[in-house]
Amino acid sequence: MKILAFDTSSASGSIALTAGDRLVGETTVGSVGVHAEWLMESIDGFLKGLATSIHEVDLFALTTGPGSFTGLRIGVSTVKGLAWALRKPVVGVSTLEALAMNLPYSSAPVCPVLDARKREVYAAVFTPAGSRCERIVEDCAVTPQRLFEILSSAVDGPVVFLGNGLELYADDIKGKVKGAILAPRHLWYVRASNIARIAYRSRYSAAGAERISPVYRRKSEAELKKDAPKKSG
């Protein structure tokens, strides 16, 4: 089974091709610019470099959130177009779970943290178990302070943090979480090979493209403005 996986959930981007549980190739870019301009061109060049046709792909996989609203929409729109045209199934994967799998053999719980803007983060907590991660805390959008409260009740001992949320909140984490360990920066990016590994395990629950949608974990800016009370004149 050939799986084409990709991530567009943040400023970085990643594409991978696997055959079963074997990695065929992967590319990860720290900052791709505009995902709408980068993704399809990069997929095409990536597959050509591997001498593989898009028609050989058996399953598509992608991160469906949480993450950048625009990035997630682009990823989902792209996979819908490819999967519908080729009549192939799709697996959607948690961005935070895929990120946590960058540390598969950590002896401490792993907390991926992504910048959600508005002084909030997207976060979850996992216990790595080699080829998979056991979830301790569900994906959520919370303030850093609320995350620290969650960690104090859910985890006993050191915690390893990774993700682009560290760019803003590394000092807060080190000051508020006893025994906090910050992963090296090169481990802060979602890798598409992890998405493919999760998808391979979940392949029997793959869905049609029409059932794939972004998972935002909070309301968009447009929704917040719509729900805000209108000022009386």
C-alpha atoms as a PDB file:
ATOM      1  CA  MET A   1       0.000   0.000   0.000  1.00  0.00           C
ATOM      2  CA  LYS A   2       1.440   3.363  -1.058  1.00  0.00           C
ATOM      3  CA  ILE A   3       0.476   6.303   1.127  1.00  0.00           C
ATOM      4  CA  LEU A   4       1.017   9.932   0.147  1.00  0.00           C
ATOM      5  CA  ALA A   5       0.946  12.130   3.242  1.00  0.00           C
ATOM      6  CA  PHE A   6       1.384  15.853   3.708  1.00  0.00           C
ATOM      7  CA  ASP A   7       1.114  18.619   6.295  1.00  0.00           C
ATOM      8  CA  THR A   8       0.006  22.228   5.792  1.00  0.00           C
ATOM      9  CA  SER A   9      -1.026  23.023   9.369  1.00  0.00           C
ATOM     10  CA  SER A  10       1.570  25.728  10.037  1.00  0.00           C
ATOM     11  CA  ALA A  11       4.239  27.805   8.307  1.00  0.00           C
ATOM     12  CA  SER A  12       6.252  24.650   7.639  1.00  0.00           C
ATOM     13  CA  GLY A  13       5.300  21.949   5.162  1.00  0.00           C
ATOM     14  CA  SER A  14       6.071  18.293   4.692  1.00  0.00           C
ATOM     15  CA  ILE A  15       5.366  15.575   2.114  1.00  0.00           C
ATOM     16  CA  ALA A  16       6.124  11.853   2.396  1.00  0.00           C
ATOM     17  CA  LEU A  17       5.528   8.659   0.464  1.00  0.00           C
ATOM     18  CA  THR A  18       5.490   5.303   2.200  1.00  0.00           C
ATOM     19  CA  ALA A  19       5.003   1.732   1.019  1.00  0.00           C
ATOM     20  CA  GLY A  20       3.321  -0.092   3.862  1.00  0.00           C
ATOM     21  CA  ASP A  21       5.348   0.861   6.934  1.00  0.00           C
ATOM     22  CA  ARG A  22       8.489   1.603   4.866  1.00  0.00           C
ATOM     23  CA  LEU A  23       9.515   5.178   4.089  1.00  0.00           C
ATOM     24  CA  VAL A  24      10.112   5.746   0.375  1.00  0.00           C
ATOM     25  CA  GLY A  25      10.879   9.454   0.549  1.00  0.00           C
ATOM     26  CA  GLU A  26      10.194  12.619   2.538  1.00  0.00           C
ATOM     27  CA  THR A  27      10.737  16.362   2.269  1.00  0.00           C
ATOM     28  CA  THR A  28      10.181  18.885   5.062  1.00  0.00           C
ATOM     29  CA  VAL A  29      10.540  22.656   4.647  1.00  0.00           C
ATOM     30  CA  GLY A  30      10.746  25.033   7.604  1.00  0.00           C
ATOM     31  CA  SER A  31       8.840  27.858   5.896  1.00  0.00           C
ATOM     32  CA  VAL A  32       7.001  27.307   2.613  1.00  0.00           C
ATOM     33  CA  GLY A  33       5.466  30.729   2.121  1.00  0.00           C
ATOM     34  CA  VAL A  34       1.984  30.311   0.662  1.00  0.00           C
ATOM     35  CA  HIS A  35       0.750  26.717   0.924  1.00  0.00           C
ATOM     36  CA  ALA A  36      -1.614  27.171  -2.016  1.00  0.00           C
ATOM     37  CA  GLU A  37       1.382  27.948  -4.235  1.00  0.00           C
ATOM     38  CA  TRP A  38       3.751  25.401  -2.669  1.00  0.00           C
ATOM     39  CA  LEU A  39       1.743  22.234  -2.146  1.00  0.00           C
ATOM     40  CA  MET A  40       0.642  20.912  -5.560  1.00  0.00           C
ATOM     41  CA  GLU A  41       3.849  21.934  -7.317  1.00  0.00           C
ATOM     42  CA  SER A  42       5.880  20.300  -4.549  1.00  0.00           C
ATOM     43  CA  ILE A  43       3.827  17.091  -4.627  1.00  0.00           C
ATOM     44  CA  ASP A  44       4.338  16.866  -8.374  1.00  0.00           C
ATOM     45  CA  GLY A  45       8.112  17.403  -8.157  1.00  0.00           C
ATOM     46  CA  PHE A  46       8.409  15.112  -5.145  1.00  0.00           C
ATOM     47  CA  LEU A  47       6.695  12.195  -6.885  1.00  0.00           C
ATOM     48  CA  LYS A  48       8.666  12.742 -10.091  1.00  0.00           C
ATOM     49  CA  GLY A  49      11.860  12.571  -8.039  1.00  0.00           C
ATOM     50  CA  LEU A  50      10.741   9.175  -6.754  1.00  0.00           C
ATOM     51  CA  ALA A  51       9.692   7.980 -10.222  1.00  0.00           C
ATOM     52  CA  THR A  52       6.176   7.472  -8.888  1.00  0.00           C
ATOM     53  CA  SER A  53       2.893   8.440 -10.517  1.00  0.00           C
ATOM     54  CA  ILE A  54       0.075   9.962  -8.465  1.00  0.00           C
ATOM     55  CA  HIS A  55      -2.067   7.136  -9.858  1.00  0.00           C
ATOM     56  CA  GLU A  56       0.029   4.627  -7.896  1.00  0.00           C
ATOM     57  CA  VAL A  57      -1.047   6.130  -4.581  1.00  0.00           C
ATOM     58  CA  ASP A  58      -3.481   3.895  -2.698  1.00  0.00           C
ATOM     59  CA  LEU A  59      -4.256   6.160   0.252  1.00  0.00           C
ATOM     60  CA  PHE A  60      -3.940   9.872   1.026  1.00  0.00           C
ATOM     61  CA  ALA A  61      -3.229  11.178   4.533  1.00  0.00           C
ATOM     62  CA  LEU A  62      -2.970  14.657   5.978  1.00  0.00           C
ATOM     63  CA  THR A  63      -3.133  16.637   9.179  1.00  0.00           C
ATOM     64  CA  THR A  64      -6.649  17.971   9.682  1.00  0.00           C
ATOM     65  CA  GLY A  65      -5.860  20.081  12.744  1.00  0.00           C
ATOM     66  CA  PRO A  66      -5.478  21.858  14.924  1.00  0.00           C
ATOM     67  CA  GLY A  67      -3.382  24.490  13.227  1.00  0.00           C
ATOM     68  CA  SER A  68      -3.515  27.440  10.859  1.00  0.00           C
ATOM     69  CA  PHE A  69      -7.078  27.824   9.577  1.00  0.00           C
ATOM     70  CA  THR A  70      -5.878  28.815   6.116  1.00  0.00           C
ATOM     71  CA  GLY A  71      -3.263  26.057   5.938  1.00  0.00           C
ATOM     72  CA  LEU A  72      -5.733  23.378   7.017  1.00  0.00           C
ATOM     73  CA  ARG A  73      -8.322  24.504   4.468  1.00  0.00           C
ATOM     74  CA  ILE A  74      -5.731  24.363   1.693  1.00  0.00           C
ATOM     75  CA  GLY A  75      -4.634  20.869   2.740  1.00  0.00           C
ATOM     76  CA  VAL A  76      -8.179  19.544   2.945  1.00  0.00           C
ATOM     77  CA  SER A  77      -9.197  21.138  -0.368  1.00  0.00           C
ATOM     78  CA  THR A  78      -6.138  19.625  -2.059  1.00  0.00           C
ATOM     79  CA  VAL A  79      -6.706  16.130  -0.708  1.00  0.00           C
ATOM     80  CA  LYS A  80     -10.389  16.270  -1.640  1.00  0.00           C
ATOM     81  CA  GLY A  81      -9.497  17.131  -5.228  1.00  0.00           C
ATOM     82  CA  LEU A  82      -6.885  14.380  -5.492  1.00  0.00           C
ATOM     83  CA  ALA A  83      -8.937  11.712  -3.735  1.00  0.00           C
ATOM     84  CA  TRP A  84     -12.119  12.441  -5.687  1.00  0.00           C
ATOM     85  CA  ALA A  85     -10.309  12.467  -9.017  1.00  0.00           C
ATOM     86  CA  LEU A  86      -8.462   9.216  -8.297  1.00  0.00           C
ATOM     87  CA  ARG A  87     -11.246   7.591  -6.251  1.00  0.00           C
ATOM     88  CA  LYS A  88      -8.920   6.882  -3.330  1.00  0.00           C
ATOM     89  CA  PRO A  89      -9.627   6.935   0.431  1.00  0.00           C
ATOM     90  CA  VAL A  90      -8.280   9.468   2.904  1.00  0.00           C
ATOM     91  CA  VAL A  91      -7.148   9.392   6.539  1.00  0.00           C
ATOM     92  CA  GLY A  92      -7.138  12.583   8.595  1.00  0.00           C
ATOM     93  CA  VAL A  93      -4.594  12.780  11.422  1.00  0.00           C
ATOM     94  CA  SER A  94      -4.241  15.017  14.478  1.00  0.00           C
ATOM     95  CA  THR A  95      -1.472  17.551  13.925  1.00  0.00           C
ATOM     96  CA  LEU A  96      -0.446  17.249  17.567  1.00  0.00           C
ATOM     97  CA  GLU A  97      -0.228  13.456  17.490  1.00  0.00           C
ATOM     98  CA  ALA A  98       1.933  13.558  14.368  1.00  0.00           C
ATOM     99  CA  LEU A  99       4.201  16.135  16.025  1.00  0.00           C
ATOM    100  CA  ALA A 100       4.503  14.085  19.230  1.00  0.00           C
ATOM    101  CA  MET A 101       5.778  11.158  17.172  1.00  0.00           C
ATOM    102  CA  ASN A 102       8.975  13.116  16.514  1.00  0.00           C
ATOM    103  CA  LEU A 103      10.007  11.757  19.933  1.00  0.00           C
ATOM    104  CA  PRO A 104       8.969   8.088  19.732  1.00  0.00           C
ATOM    105  CA  TYR A 105      11.269   6.816  22.469  1.00  0.00           C
ATOM    106  CA  SER A 106      11.051   9.646  24.991  1.00  0.00           C
ATOM    107  CA  SER A 107      11.037   8.364  28.569  1.00  0.00           C
ATOM    108  CA  ALA A 108       8.925  11.377  29.607  1.00  0.00           C
ATOM    109  CA  PRO A 109       5.467  12.455  28.412  1.00  0.00           C
ATOM    110  CA  VAL A 110       5.503  14.661  25.321  1.00  0.00           C
ATOM    111  CA  CYS A 111       3.529  17.895  25.008  1.00  0.00           C
ATOM    112  CA  PRO A 112       3.358  19.350  21.484  1.00  0.00           C
ATOM    113  CA  VAL A 113       2.549  23.056  21.578  1.00  0.00           C
ATOM    114  CA  LEU A 114       1.479  25.116  18.571  1.00  0.00           C
ATOM    115  CA  ASP A 115       0.872  28.854  18.485  1.00  0.00           C
ATOM    116  CA  ALA A 116      -2.892  29.404  18.181  1.00  0.00           C
ATOM    117  CA  ARG A 117      -2.591  33.193  18.335  1.00  0.00           C
ATOM    118  CA  LYS A 118      -4.682  35.407  20.634  1.00  0.00           C
ATOM    119  CA  ARG A 119      -2.424  34.333  23.513  1.00  0.00           C
ATOM    120  CA  GLU A 120      -3.548  30.718  23.202  1.00  0.00           C
ATOM    121  CA  VAL A 121      -1.861  27.477  22.211  1.00  0.00           C
ATOM    122  CA  TYR A 122      -2.995  24.223  20.682  1.00  0.00           C
ATOM    123  CA  ALA A 123      -1.695  21.427  22.864  1.00  0.00           C
ATOM    124  CA  ALA A 124      -2.091  17.804  23.944  1.00  0.00           C
ATOM    125  CA  VAL A 125      -0.056  15.303  25.965  1.00  0.00           C
ATOM    126  CA  PHE A 126       1.124  11.859  24.889  1.00  0.00           C
ATOM    127  CA  THR A 127       3.136   8.969  26.235  1.00  0.00           C
ATOM    128  CA  PRO A 128       5.412   7.745  23.410  1.00  0.00           C
ATOM    129  CA  ALA A 129       5.366   4.006  22.821  1.00  0.00           C
ATOM    130  CA  GLY A 130       7.761   3.440  19.918  1.00  0.00           C
ATOM    131  CA  SER A 131       5.662   3.238  16.760  1.00  0.00           C
ATOM    132  CA  ARG A 132       2.663   4.950  18.366  1.00  0.00           C
ATOM    133  CA  CYS A 133       1.703   7.453  21.046  1.00  0.00           C
ATOM    134  CA  GLU A 134      -0.752   6.872  23.880  1.00  0.00           C
ATOM    135  CA  ARG A 135      -2.870   9.947  24.509  1.00  0.00           C
ATOM    136  CA  ILE A 136      -2.998  11.459  28.008  1.00  0.00           C
ATOM    137  CA  VAL A 137      -4.660  14.819  27.263  1.00  0.00           C
ATOM    138  CA  GLU A 138      -6.955  15.496  24.310  1.00  0.00           C
ATOM    139  CA  ASP A 139      -6.203  18.171  21.699  1.00  0.00           C
ATOM    140  CA  CYS A 140      -7.270  21.555  23.006  1.00  0.00           C
ATOM    141  CA  ALA A 141      -6.979  25.314  22.485  1.00  0.00           C
ATOM    142  CA  VAL A 142      -6.109  26.982  25.794  1.00  0.00           C
ATOM    143  CA  THR A 143      -4.103  29.790  27.326  1.00  0.00           C
ATOM    144  CA  PRO A 144      -0.577  28.841  28.423  1.00  0.00           C
ATOM    145  CA  GLN A 145      -1.632  29.228  32.054  1.00  0.00           C
ATOM    146  CA  ARG A 146      -4.521  26.812  31.571  1.00  0.00           C
ATOM    147  CA  LEU A 147      -2.147  24.349  29.916  1.00  0.00           C
ATOM    148  CA  PHE A 148       0.143  24.498  32.938  1.00  0.00           C
ATOM    149  CA  GLU A 149      -2.831  23.742  35.197  1.00  0.00           C
ATOM    150  CA  ILE A 150      -3.788  20.768  33.023  1.00  0.00           C
ATOM    151  CA  LEU A 151      -0.241  19.434  33.117  1.00  0.00           C
ATOM    152  CA  SER A 152       0.002  19.746  36.893  1.00  0.00           C
ATOM    153  CA  SER A 153      -2.996  17.450  37.308  1.00  0.00           C
ATOM    154  CA  ALA A 154      -2.347  15.063  34.402  1.00  0.00           C
ATOM    155  CA  VAL A 155       1.404  14.455  34.567  1.00  0.00           C
ATOM    156  CA  ASP A 156       3.740  13.586  37.410  1.00  0.00           C
ATOM    157  CA  GLY A 157       7.369  14.327  36.574  1.00  0.00           C
ATOM    158  CA  PRO A 158       9.257  15.926  33.659  1.00  0.00           C
ATOM    159  CA  VAL A 159       7.539  16.795  30.376  1.00  0.00           C
ATOM    160  CA  VAL A 160       9.155  17.276  26.965  1.00  0.00           C
ATOM    161  CA  PHE A 161       7.816  20.186  24.905  1.00  0.00           C
ATOM    162  CA  LEU A 162       8.135  20.726  21.152  1.00  0.00           C
ATOM    163  CA  GLY A 163       6.450  22.753  18.439  1.00  0.00           C
ATOM    164  CA  ASN A 164       6.376  26.324  17.161  1.00  0.00           C
ATOM    165  CA  GLY A 165       4.582  27.484  20.309  1.00  0.00           C
ATOM    166  CA  LEU A 166       7.984  27.413  21.990  1.00  0.00           C
ATOM    167  CA  GLU A 167       9.029  30.434  19.953  1.00  0.00           C
ATOM    168  CA  LEU A 168       6.640  32.513  22.083  1.00  0.00           C
ATOM    169  CA  TYR A 169       6.233  30.586  25.304  1.00  0.00           C
ATOM    170  CA  ALA A 170       9.554  28.829  26.002  1.00  0.00           C
ATOM    171  CA  ASP A 171      10.369  31.126  28.932  1.00  0.00           C
ATOM    172  CA  ASP A 172       6.867  30.726  30.414  1.00  0.00           C
ATOM    173  CA  ILE A 173       7.136  26.954  30.147  1.00  0.00           C
ATOM    174  CA  LYS A 174      10.557  26.831  31.797  1.00  0.00           C
ATOM    175  CA  GLY A 175       9.336  29.122  34.574  1.00  0.00           C
ATOM    176  CA  LYS A 176       6.010  27.400  35.249  1.00  0.00           C
ATOM    177  CA  VAL A 177       6.574  23.685  34.569  1.00  0.00           C
ATOM    178  CA  LYS A 178       8.972  21.967  36.932  1.00  0.00           C
ATOM    179  CA  GLY A 179      11.363  19.704  35.059  1.00  0.00           C
ATOM    180  CA  ALA A 180      10.315  21.031  31.631  1.00  0.00           C
ATOM    181  CA  ILE A 181      12.524  19.837  28.777  1.00  0.00           C
ATOM    182  CA  LEU A 182      12.530  21.752  25.485  1.00  0.00           C
ATOM    183  CA  ALA A 183      13.204  19.605  22.423  1.00  0.00           C
ATOM    184  CA  PRO A 184      15.768  20.898  19.888  1.00  0.00           C
ATOM    185  CA  ARG A 185      14.334  23.231  17.245  1.00  0.00           C
ATOM    186  CA  HIS A 186      14.757  20.741  14.377  1.00  0.00           C
ATOM    187  CA  LEU A 187      12.131  18.561  16.096  1.00  0.00           C
ATOM    188  CA  TRP A 188       9.497  21.316  16.151  1.00  0.00           C
ATOM    189  CA  TYR A 189       8.205  20.584  12.622  1.00  0.00           C
ATOM    190  CA  VAL A 190       5.464  18.118  11.725  1.00  0.00           C
ATOM    191  CA  ARG A 191       6.880  15.310   9.578  1.00  0.00           C
ATOM    192  CA  ALA A 192       4.697  13.763   6.912  1.00  0.00           C
ATOM    193  CA  SER A 193       6.297  10.363   7.503  1.00  0.00           C
ATOM    194  CA  ASN A 194       4.660  10.355  10.952  1.00  0.00           C
ATOM    195  CA  ILE A 195       1.319  11.185   9.358  1.00  0.00           C
ATOM    196  CA  ALA A 196       1.755   8.238   7.007  1.00  0.00           C
ATOM    197  CA  ARG A 197       2.645   5.899   9.892  1.00  0.00           C
ATOM    198  CA  ILE A 198      -0.507   6.876  11.784  1.00  0.00           C
ATOM    199  CA  ALA A 199      -2.553   6.530   8.605  1.00  0.00           C
ATOM    200  CA  TYR A 200      -1.158   3.073   7.931  1.00  0.00           C
ATOM    201  CA  ARG A 201      -2.294   1.929  11.367  1.00  0.00           C
ATOM    202  CA  SER A 202      -5.704   3.530  10.731  1.00  0.00           C
ATOM    203  CA  ARG A 203      -6.059   2.401   7.115  1.00  0.00           C
ATOM    204  CA  TYR A 204      -9.105   0.218   7.779  1.00  0.00           C
ATOM    205  CA  SER A 205     -11.036   3.255   8.985  1.00  0.00           C
ATOM    206  CA  ALA A 206     -10.111   5.370   5.945  1.00  0.00           C
ATOM    207  CA  ALA A 207     -12.969   7.494   4.644  1.00  0.00           C
ATOM    208  CA  GLY A 208     -14.114   8.997   1.398  1.00  0.00           C
ATOM    209  CA  ALA A 209     -12.911  12.505   0.650  1.00  0.00           C
ATOM    210  CA  GLU A 210     -16.350  13.957   1.386  1.00  0.00           C
ATOM    211  CA  ARG A 211     -15.986  12.999   5.055  1.00  0.00           C
ATOM    212  CA  ILE A 212     -12.696  14.845   5.596  1.00  0.00           C
ATOM    213  CA  SER A 213     -12.848  18.332   7.092  1.00  0.00           C
ATOM    214  CA  PRO A 214     -10.577  20.600   9.156  1.00  0.00           C
ATOM    215  CA  VAL A 215     -10.665  20.279  12.953  1.00  0.00           C
ATOM    216  CA  TYR A 216     -10.049  23.782  14.245  1.00  0.00           C
ATOM    217  CA  ARG A 217     -10.603  23.323  18.024  1.00  0.00           C
ATOM    218  CA  ARG A 218     -11.872  26.887  18.281  1.00  0.00           C
ATOM    219  CA  LYS A 219     -13.958  29.388  16.336  1.00  0.00           C
ATOM    220  CA  SER A 220     -12.472  31.274  13.400  1.00  0.00           C
ATOM    221  CA  GLU A 221     -12.036  35.051  13.425  1.00  0.00           C
ATOM    222  CA  ALA A 222     -15.121  35.408  11.197  1.00  0.00           C
ATOM    223  CA  GLU A 223     -17.202  33.300  13.593  1.00  0.00           C
ATOM    224  CA  LEU A 224     -15.998  35.303  16.598  1.00  0.00           C
ATOM    225  CA  LYS A 225     -16.988  38.563  14.899  1.00  0.00           C
ATOM    226  CA  LYS A 226     -20.361  37.117  13.935  1.00  0.00           C
ATOM    227  CA  ASP A 227     -21.071  36.015  17.524  1.00  0.00           C
ATOM    228  CA  ALA A 228     -19.887  39.265  19.099  1.00  0.00           C
ATOM    229  CA  PRO A 229     -22.716  41.455  20.472  1.00  0.00           C
ATOM    230  CA  LYS A 230     -23.485  44.363  18.188  1.00  0.00           C
ATOM    231  CA  LYS A 231     -23.104  47.851  19.612  1.00  0.00           C
ATOM    232  CA  SER A 232     -26.328  49.817  19.729  1.00  0.00           C
ATOM    233  CA  GLY A 233     -26.321  53.078  17.880  1.00  0.00           C
END
